[in-house]
Amino acid sequence: MKTYDLKGYTLVLDKVVFVSAVFTADHDEGKQFNVRLVGDLLKFKFPTHADAVMARELLIKTMKEA
């Protein structure tokens, strides 16, 4: 079972349904991307666009390698 740790969560990669693009969080609370799991949606917020893009890219890369 492949897992990925992100901001206090351990994601089981074969349970990930989709990963959204990076966008501005509500109320300008930084940048965000969402991860839809089977039966759940997780929202990950980051202080900068670069941080969000890097975390998202690492997640996608890890999923492709799993």
C-alpha atoms as a PDB file:
ATOM      1  CA  MET A   1       0.000   0.000   0.000  1.00  0.00           C
ATOM      2  CA  LYS A   2       1.537   3.320  -1.113  1.00  0.00           C
ATOM      3  CA  THR A   3       0.992   6.332   1.137  1.00  0.00           C
ATOM      4  CA  TYR A   4       1.895  10.019   1.018  1.00  0.00           C
ATOM      5  CA  ASP A   5       2.116  12.402   3.991  1.00  0.00           C
ATOM      6  CA  LEU A   6       0.748  15.906   3.467  1.00  0.00           C
ATOM      7  CA  LYS A   7       0.119  18.523   6.160  1.00  0.00           C
ATOM      8  CA  GLY A   8      -0.675  16.039   8.901  1.00  0.00           C
ATOM      9  CA  TYR A   9      -2.607  13.592   6.718  1.00  0.00           C
ATOM     10  CA  THR A  10      -1.431  10.253   5.394  1.00  0.00           C
ATOM     11  CA  LEU A  11      -3.106   9.689   2.040  1.00  0.00           C
ATOM     12  CA  VAL A  12      -3.558   6.171   0.678  1.00  0.00           C
ATOM     13  CA  LEU A  13      -2.731   6.804  -2.963  1.00  0.00           C
ATOM     14  CA  ASP A  14      -5.058   4.188  -4.423  1.00  0.00           C
ATOM     15  CA  LYS A  15      -7.972   5.983  -2.686  1.00  0.00           C
ATOM     16  CA  VAL A  16      -7.306   9.337  -4.424  1.00  0.00           C
ATOM     17  CA  VAL A  17      -9.939  10.091  -7.066  1.00  0.00           C
ATOM     18  CA  PHE A  18      -8.665  13.490  -8.265  1.00  0.00           C
ATOM     19  CA  VAL A  19      -6.450  16.451  -7.360  1.00  0.00           C
ATOM     20  CA  SER A  20      -7.665  19.948  -8.257  1.00  0.00           C
ATOM     21  CA  ALA A  21      -5.584  22.762  -9.677  1.00  0.00           C
ATOM     22  CA  VAL A  22      -4.038  25.321  -7.319  1.00  0.00           C
ATOM     23  CA  PHE A  23      -6.311  28.316  -6.672  1.00  0.00           C
ATOM     24  CA  THR A  24      -6.719  31.205  -4.226  1.00  0.00           C
ATOM     25  CA  ALA A  25      -8.409  30.067  -1.023  1.00  0.00           C
ATOM     26  CA  ASP A  26     -11.548  31.776   0.281  1.00  0.00           C
ATOM     27  CA  HIS A  27     -10.957  35.145   1.957  1.00  0.00           C
ATOM     28  CA  ASP A  28      -7.432  35.297   0.454  1.00  0.00           C
ATOM     29  CA  GLU A  29      -6.172  32.744   2.996  1.00  0.00           C
ATOM     30  CA  GLY A  30      -3.273  31.744   0.753  1.00  0.00           C
ATOM     31  CA  LYS A  31      -3.324  29.167  -2.011  1.00  0.00           C
ATOM     32  CA  GLN A  32      -5.170  25.874  -1.975  1.00  0.00           C
ATOM     33  CA  PHE A  33      -5.706  22.628  -3.830  1.00  0.00           C
ATOM     34  CA  ASN A  34      -8.218  19.909  -3.063  1.00  0.00           C
ATOM     35  CA  VAL A  35      -7.794  16.155  -3.004  1.00  0.00           C
ATOM     36  CA  ARG A  36     -10.901  14.037  -3.512  1.00  0.00           C
ATOM     37  CA  LEU A  37     -10.676  10.638  -1.883  1.00  0.00           C
ATOM     38  CA  VAL A  38     -13.185   7.834  -2.156  1.00  0.00           C
ATOM     39  CA  GLY A  39     -15.925   9.292   0.061  1.00  0.00           C
ATOM     40  CA  ASP A  40     -14.105  12.440   1.265  1.00  0.00           C
ATOM     41  CA  LEU A  41     -12.644  15.786   0.174  1.00  0.00           C
ATOM     42  CA  LEU A  42      -9.508  17.266   1.742  1.00  0.00           C
ATOM     43  CA  LYS A  43      -8.549  20.920   1.297  1.00  0.00           C
ATOM     44  CA  PHE A  44      -4.889  21.840   1.631  1.00  0.00           C
ATOM     45  CA  LYS A  45      -4.018  25.529   2.108  1.00  0.00           C
ATOM     46  CA  PHE A  46      -0.540  27.003   1.744  1.00  0.00           C
ATOM     47  CA  PRO A  47       0.816  30.503   2.398  1.00  0.00           C
ATOM     48  CA  THR A  48       2.197  30.947  -1.123  1.00  0.00           C
ATOM     49  CA  HIS A  49       1.407  29.813  -4.634  1.00  0.00           C
ATOM     50  CA  ALA A  50       4.879  28.272  -4.967  1.00  0.00           C
ATOM     51  CA  ASP A  51       4.378  26.147  -1.820  1.00  0.00           C
ATOM     52  CA  ALA A  52       1.002  24.894  -3.056  1.00  0.00           C
ATOM     53  CA  VAL A  53       2.309  24.092  -6.538  1.00  0.00           C
ATOM     54  CA  MET A  54       5.304  22.223  -5.133  1.00  0.00           C
ATOM     55  CA  ALA A  55       3.170  20.111  -2.752  1.00  0.00           C
ATOM     56  CA  ARG A  56       0.665  19.339  -5.520  1.00  0.00           C
ATOM     57  CA  GLU A  57       3.418  18.383  -7.988  1.00  0.00           C
ATOM     58  CA  LEU A  58       5.070  16.090  -5.443  1.00  0.00           C
ATOM     59  CA  LEU A  59       1.734  14.410  -4.733  1.00  0.00           C
ATOM     60  CA  ILE A  60       1.055  13.868  -8.452  1.00  0.00           C
ATOM     61  CA  LYS A  61       4.598  12.540  -8.996  1.00  0.00           C
ATOM     62  CA  THR A  62       4.252  10.126  -6.103  1.00  0.00           C
ATOM     63  CA  MET A  63       0.889   8.889  -7.411  1.00  0.00           C
ATOM     64  CA  LYS A  64       2.379   8.243 -10.852  1.00  0.00           C
ATOM     65  CA  GLU A  65       5.220   6.241  -9.318  1.00  0.00           C
ATOM     66  CA  ALA A  66       2.912   4.190  -7.081  1.00  0.00           C
END
